């Protein structure tokens, strides 16, 4: 979040976003003072699924109205972008992994990397199922504290299978 302005805007917008049934992931402010970009990233509070376009449109209107009401915090012209994290978001918190349940992820730890499907998330552990060539799927329990990097793997074939079925 970085800047003092972004921190203040986060404080102002968190109740608005929460009131819409979403989670305020991040507020980022960039650009010169006369032409700022205010990027507000929202997500579902927890679990698998996605933010629908209607829900995103509704929260965008509410965020815009809230920003208009706090002229003393954000002065001058700005461009507002309300978005979701998308699949490229780094997975850092247990909530991020719960949001990725059922998805293929790659996790990096000091011991190496493992790619598998998120099957469950405990407060301290991510449970993966890795499709192995022989002997069926292998289960992995990766302590959340040991994960140095986590990312969702984009699966074009799997997406196509869901569209057909």
C-alpha atoms as a PDB file:
ATOM      1  CA  UNK A   1       0.000   0.000   0.000  1.00  0.00           C
ATOM      2  CA  UNK A   2       2.922   2.274   0.646  1.00  0.00           C
ATOM      3  CA  UNK A   3       1.930   5.914   0.641  1.00  0.00           C
ATOM      4  CA  UNK A   4       0.248   7.739   3.483  1.00  0.00           C
ATOM      5  CA  UNK A   5      -2.567   8.689   1.097  1.00  0.00           C
ATOM      6  CA  UNK A   6      -3.172   5.041   0.150  1.00  0.00           C
ATOM      7  CA  UNK A   7      -3.297   4.089   3.836  1.00  0.00           C
ATOM      8  CA  UNK A   8      -5.857   6.831   4.532  1.00  0.00           C
ATOM      9  CA  UNK A   9      -7.967   5.823   1.528  1.00  0.00           C
ATOM     10  CA  UNK A  10      -7.851   2.198   2.678  1.00  0.00           C
ATOM     11  CA  UNK A  11      -9.284   3.316   6.043  1.00  0.00           C
ATOM     12  CA  UNK A  12     -12.073   5.241   4.285  1.00  0.00           C
ATOM     13  CA  UNK A  13     -12.924   2.524   1.752  1.00  0.00           C
ATOM     14  CA  UNK A  14     -12.676  -0.645   3.873  1.00  0.00           C
ATOM     15  CA  UNK A  15     -16.137  -0.229   5.484  1.00  0.00           C
ATOM     16  CA  UNK A  16     -17.683   0.616   2.092  1.00  0.00           C
ATOM     17  CA  UNK A  17     -16.244  -2.488   0.418  1.00  0.00           C
ATOM     18  CA  UNK A  18     -17.055  -4.711   3.413  1.00  0.00           C
ATOM     19  CA  UNK A  19     -20.619  -3.385   3.351  1.00  0.00           C
ATOM     20  CA  UNK A  20     -20.833  -4.628  -0.240  1.00  0.00           C
ATOM     21  CA  UNK A  21     -19.945  -8.138   0.880  1.00  0.00           C
ATOM     22  CA  UNK A  22     -16.384  -7.937  -0.447  1.00  0.00           C
ATOM     23  CA  UNK A  23     -12.873  -7.686   0.981  1.00  0.00           C
ATOM     24  CA  UNK A  24     -10.630  -4.675   0.334  1.00  0.00           C
ATOM     25  CA  UNK A  25      -7.384  -6.265  -0.806  1.00  0.00           C
ATOM     26  CA  UNK A  26      -5.386  -3.141  -1.637  1.00  0.00           C
ATOM     27  CA  UNK A  27      -5.489   0.562  -2.443  1.00  0.00           C
ATOM     28  CA  UNK A  28      -2.725   1.957  -4.630  1.00  0.00           C
ATOM     29  CA  UNK A  29      -2.280   5.609  -5.617  1.00  0.00           C
ATOM     30  CA  UNK A  30       0.129   6.501  -8.407  1.00  0.00           C
ATOM     31  CA  UNK A  31       0.875   9.319 -10.810  1.00  0.00           C
ATOM     32  CA  UNK A  32       1.254  13.063 -10.380  1.00  0.00           C
ATOM     33  CA  UNK A  33      -1.054  14.963  -8.007  1.00  0.00           C
ATOM     34  CA  UNK A  34      -3.080  16.476 -10.882  1.00  0.00           C
ATOM     35  CA  UNK A  35      -3.653  13.150 -12.646  1.00  0.00           C
ATOM     36  CA  UNK A  36      -3.668  10.410 -10.025  1.00  0.00           C
ATOM     37  CA  UNK A  37      -4.663   6.810 -10.622  1.00  0.00           C
ATOM     38  CA  UNK A  38      -6.464   5.300  -7.643  1.00  0.00           C
ATOM     39  CA  UNK A  39      -6.525   1.510  -8.032  1.00  0.00           C
ATOM     40  CA  UNK A  40      -8.810  -0.301  -5.591  1.00  0.00           C
ATOM     41  CA  UNK A  41      -8.478  -4.088  -5.557  1.00  0.00           C
ATOM     42  CA  UNK A  42     -11.419  -6.030  -4.108  1.00  0.00           C
ATOM     43  CA  UNK A  43     -12.039  -9.728  -3.661  1.00  0.00           C
ATOM     44  CA  UNK A  44     -14.437 -12.159  -2.043  1.00  0.00           C
ATOM     45  CA  UNK A  45     -13.856 -12.331   1.704  1.00  0.00           C
ATOM     46  CA  UNK A  46     -13.001 -16.042   1.622  1.00  0.00           C
ATOM     47  CA  UNK A  47     -13.386 -19.370  -0.144  1.00  0.00           C
ATOM     48  CA  UNK A  48     -13.490 -20.302  -3.817  1.00  0.00           C
ATOM     49  CA  UNK A  49     -15.492 -18.434  -6.438  1.00  0.00           C
ATOM     50  CA  UNK A  50     -15.262 -15.109  -8.161  1.00  0.00           C
ATOM     51  CA  UNK A  51     -16.531 -11.554  -7.991  1.00  0.00           C
ATOM     52  CA  UNK A  52     -19.320 -11.113 -10.531  1.00  0.00           C
ATOM     53  CA  UNK A  53     -19.365  -8.183 -12.942  1.00  0.00           C
ATOM     54  CA  UNK A  54     -22.601  -6.820 -11.415  1.00  0.00           C
ATOM     55  CA  UNK A  55     -21.088  -6.948  -7.935  1.00  0.00           C
ATOM     56  CA  UNK A  56     -17.916  -5.247  -9.205  1.00  0.00           C
ATOM     57  CA  UNK A  57     -20.001  -2.524 -10.885  1.00  0.00           C
ATOM     58  CA  UNK A  58     -22.024  -1.935  -7.724  1.00  0.00           C
ATOM     59  CA  UNK A  59     -18.964  -1.653  -5.474  1.00  0.00           C
ATOM     60  CA  UNK A  60     -17.309   0.661  -8.031  1.00  0.00           C
ATOM     61  CA  UNK A  61     -20.228   3.091  -7.701  1.00  0.00           C
ATOM     62  CA  UNK A  62     -20.090   2.929  -3.904  1.00  0.00           C
ATOM     63  CA  UNK A  63     -16.307   3.466  -3.844  1.00  0.00           C
ATOM     64  CA  UNK A  64     -16.648   6.423  -6.213  1.00  0.00           C
ATOM     65  CA  UNK A  65     -19.334   8.001  -4.023  1.00  0.00           C
ATOM     66  CA  UNK A  66     -17.208   7.474  -0.899  1.00  0.00           C
ATOM     67  CA  UNK A  67     -14.215   9.130  -2.563  1.00  0.00           C
ATOM     68  CA  UNK A  68     -16.385  12.088  -3.600  1.00  0.00           C
ATOM     69  CA  UNK A  69     -17.408  12.488   0.064  1.00  0.00           C
ATOM     70  CA  UNK A  70     -13.796  12.755   1.306  1.00  0.00           C
ATOM     71  CA  UNK A  71     -12.518  15.746  -0.649  1.00  0.00           C
ATOM     72  CA  UNK A  72     -10.151  16.563   2.201  1.00  0.00           C
ATOM     73  CA  UNK A  73      -8.335  13.220   1.701  1.00  0.00           C
ATOM     74  CA  UNK A  74      -8.156  13.077  -2.093  1.00  0.00           C
ATOM     75  CA  UNK A  75      -7.956  16.479  -3.728  1.00  0.00           C
ATOM     76  CA  UNK A  76      -8.017  17.192  -7.436  1.00  0.00           C
ATOM     77  CA  UNK A  77      -8.786  14.993 -10.410  1.00  0.00           C
ATOM     78  CA  UNK A  78      -8.156  11.270 -10.367  1.00  0.00           C
ATOM     79  CA  UNK A  79      -8.939   8.171 -12.386  1.00  0.00           C
ATOM     80  CA  UNK A  80     -10.597   5.410 -10.379  1.00  0.00           C
ATOM     81  CA  UNK A  81      -9.994   1.772 -11.246  1.00  0.00           C
ATOM     82  CA  UNK A  82     -11.809  -0.884  -9.217  1.00  0.00           C
ATOM     83  CA  UNK A  83     -10.528  -4.356 -10.012  1.00  0.00           C
ATOM     84  CA  UNK A  84     -10.019  -7.881  -8.692  1.00  0.00           C
ATOM     85  CA  UNK A  85      -6.636  -9.508  -8.049  1.00  0.00           C
ATOM     86  CA  UNK A  86      -6.872 -11.998 -10.927  1.00  0.00           C
ATOM     87  CA  UNK A  87      -4.896 -15.209 -11.265  1.00  0.00           C
ATOM     88  CA  UNK A  88      -1.538 -13.445 -11.345  1.00  0.00           C
ATOM     89  CA  UNK A  89      -1.889 -12.351  -7.703  1.00  0.00           C
ATOM     90  CA  UNK A  90       0.859 -13.788  -5.487  1.00  0.00           C
ATOM     91  CA  UNK A  91      -0.558 -16.194  -2.921  1.00  0.00           C
ATOM     92  CA  UNK A  92       0.647 -15.082   0.511  1.00  0.00           C
ATOM     93  CA  UNK A  93      -2.071 -15.532   3.119  1.00  0.00           C
ATOM     94  CA  UNK A  94      -4.254 -18.471   4.147  1.00  0.00           C
ATOM     95  CA  UNK A  95      -7.225 -16.535   2.714  1.00  0.00           C
ATOM     96  CA  UNK A  96      -5.511 -16.378  -0.695  1.00  0.00           C
ATOM     97  CA  UNK A  97      -5.041 -20.145  -0.674  1.00  0.00           C
ATOM     98  CA  UNK A  98      -8.654 -20.735   0.400  1.00  0.00           C
ATOM     99  CA  UNK A  99      -9.719 -18.533  -2.533  1.00  0.00           C
ATOM    100  CA  UNK A 100      -7.602 -20.819  -4.770  1.00  0.00           C
ATOM    101  CA  UNK A 101      -9.205 -24.036  -3.528  1.00  0.00           C
ATOM    102  CA  UNK A 102      -9.587 -26.447  -6.433  1.00  0.00           C
ATOM    103  CA  UNK A 103      -7.005 -24.568  -8.517  1.00  0.00           C
ATOM    104  CA  UNK A 104      -3.593 -25.778  -9.629  1.00  0.00           C
ATOM    105  CA  UNK A 105      -0.840 -23.860  -7.826  1.00  0.00           C
ATOM    106  CA  UNK A 106       2.938 -23.870  -7.607  1.00  0.00           C
ATOM    107  CA  UNK A 107       4.409 -23.326  -4.160  1.00  0.00           C
ATOM    108  CA  UNK A 108       8.056 -22.570  -3.513  1.00  0.00           C
ATOM    109  CA  UNK A 109       9.695 -23.276  -0.166  1.00  0.00           C
ATOM    110  CA  UNK A 110      13.354 -23.298   0.877  1.00  0.00           C
ATOM    111  CA  UNK A 111      13.306 -27.064   0.130  1.00  0.00           C
ATOM    112  CA  UNK A 112      12.083 -26.611  -3.471  1.00  0.00           C
ATOM    113  CA  UNK A 113       8.850 -26.298  -5.449  1.00  0.00           C
ATOM    114  CA  UNK A 114       5.727 -28.403  -5.695  1.00  0.00           C
ATOM    115  CA  UNK A 115       2.806 -28.079  -8.096  1.00  0.00           C
ATOM    116  CA  UNK A 116      -0.571 -29.481  -7.149  1.00  0.00           C
ATOM    117  CA  UNK A 117      -4.231 -28.755  -6.704  1.00  0.00           C
ATOM    118  CA  UNK A 118      -5.305 -27.008  -3.489  1.00  0.00           C
ATOM    119  CA  UNK A 119      -7.655 -29.438  -1.736  1.00  0.00           C
ATOM    120  CA  UNK A 120      -7.824 -27.813   1.710  1.00  0.00           C
ATOM    121  CA  UNK A 121      -6.321 -25.020   3.767  1.00  0.00           C
ATOM    122  CA  UNK A 122      -5.886 -25.081   7.533  1.00  0.00           C
ATOM    123  CA  UNK A 123      -4.785 -22.002   9.460  1.00  0.00           C
ATOM    124  CA  UNK A 124      -1.147 -23.149   9.181  1.00  0.00           C
ATOM    125  CA  UNK A 125      -1.075 -25.632   6.278  1.00  0.00           C
ATOM    126  CA  UNK A 126      -1.910 -25.813   2.572  1.00  0.00           C
ATOM    127  CA  UNK A 127      -2.938 -29.301   1.445  1.00  0.00           C
ATOM    128  CA  UNK A 128      -2.154 -30.171  -2.171  1.00  0.00           C
ATOM    129  CA  UNK A 129      -2.895 -33.130  -4.387  1.00  0.00           C
ATOM    130  CA  UNK A 130      -0.196 -33.629  -7.016  1.00  0.00           C
ATOM    131  CA  UNK A 131      -1.106 -35.713 -10.044  1.00  0.00           C
ATOM    132  CA  UNK A 132       1.637 -38.313 -10.322  1.00  0.00           C
ATOM    133  CA  UNK A 133       2.377 -40.428 -13.393  1.00  0.00           C
ATOM    134  CA  UNK A 134       2.452 -43.646 -11.338  1.00  0.00           C
ATOM    135  CA  UNK A 135       0.629 -44.654  -8.209  1.00  0.00           C
ATOM    136  CA  UNK A 136      -2.121 -42.059  -8.289  1.00  0.00           C
ATOM    137  CA  UNK A 137      -2.122 -38.598  -6.747  1.00  0.00           C
ATOM    138  CA  UNK A 138       0.453 -37.694  -4.095  1.00  0.00           C
ATOM    139  CA  UNK A 139      -0.652 -35.602  -1.142  1.00  0.00           C
ATOM    140  CA  UNK A 140       1.486 -32.729   0.167  1.00  0.00           C
ATOM    141  CA  UNK A 141       1.081 -30.751   3.367  1.00  0.00           C
ATOM    142  CA  UNK A 142       2.966 -27.478   3.018  1.00  0.00           C
ATOM    143  CA  UNK A 143       3.316 -25.279   6.109  1.00  0.00           C
ATOM    144  CA  UNK A 144       2.098 -21.791   5.278  1.00  0.00           C
ATOM    145  CA  UNK A 145       5.066 -20.240   7.099  1.00  0.00           C
ATOM    146  CA  UNK A 146       7.536 -22.062   4.816  1.00  0.00           C
ATOM    147  CA  UNK A 147       6.019 -20.796   1.534  1.00  0.00           C
ATOM    148  CA  UNK A 148       8.277 -18.169  -0.017  1.00  0.00           C
ATOM    149  CA  UNK A 149       6.256 -17.878  -3.228  1.00  0.00           C
ATOM    150  CA  UNK A 150       2.863 -19.124  -4.366  1.00  0.00           C
ATOM    151  CA  UNK A 151       1.049 -18.651  -7.647  1.00  0.00           C
ATOM    152  CA  UNK A 152      -1.943 -20.021  -9.522  1.00  0.00           C
ATOM    153  CA  UNK A 153      -1.162 -21.938 -12.697  1.00  0.00           C
ATOM    154  CA  UNK A 154      -3.400 -21.031 -15.626  1.00  0.00           C
ATOM    155  CA  UNK A 155      -5.074 -24.162 -17.008  1.00  0.00           C
ATOM    156  CA  UNK A 156      -6.467 -23.631 -20.484  1.00  0.00           C
ATOM    157  CA  UNK A 157      -7.373 -27.285 -20.987  1.00  0.00           C
ATOM    158  CA  UNK A 158      -9.239 -27.501 -17.673  1.00  0.00           C
ATOM    159  CA  UNK A 159     -11.177 -24.286 -18.431  1.00  0.00           C
ATOM    160  CA  UNK A 160     -12.215 -25.708 -21.813  1.00  0.00           C
ATOM    161  CA  UNK A 161     -13.362 -28.934 -20.123  1.00  0.00           C
ATOM    162  CA  UNK A 162     -15.611 -26.937 -17.748  1.00  0.00           C
ATOM    163  CA  UNK A 163     -17.133 -24.993 -20.660  1.00  0.00           C
ATOM    164  CA  UNK A 164     -17.995 -28.234 -22.503  1.00  0.00           C
ATOM    165  CA  UNK A 165     -19.335 -30.105 -19.456  1.00  0.00           C
END
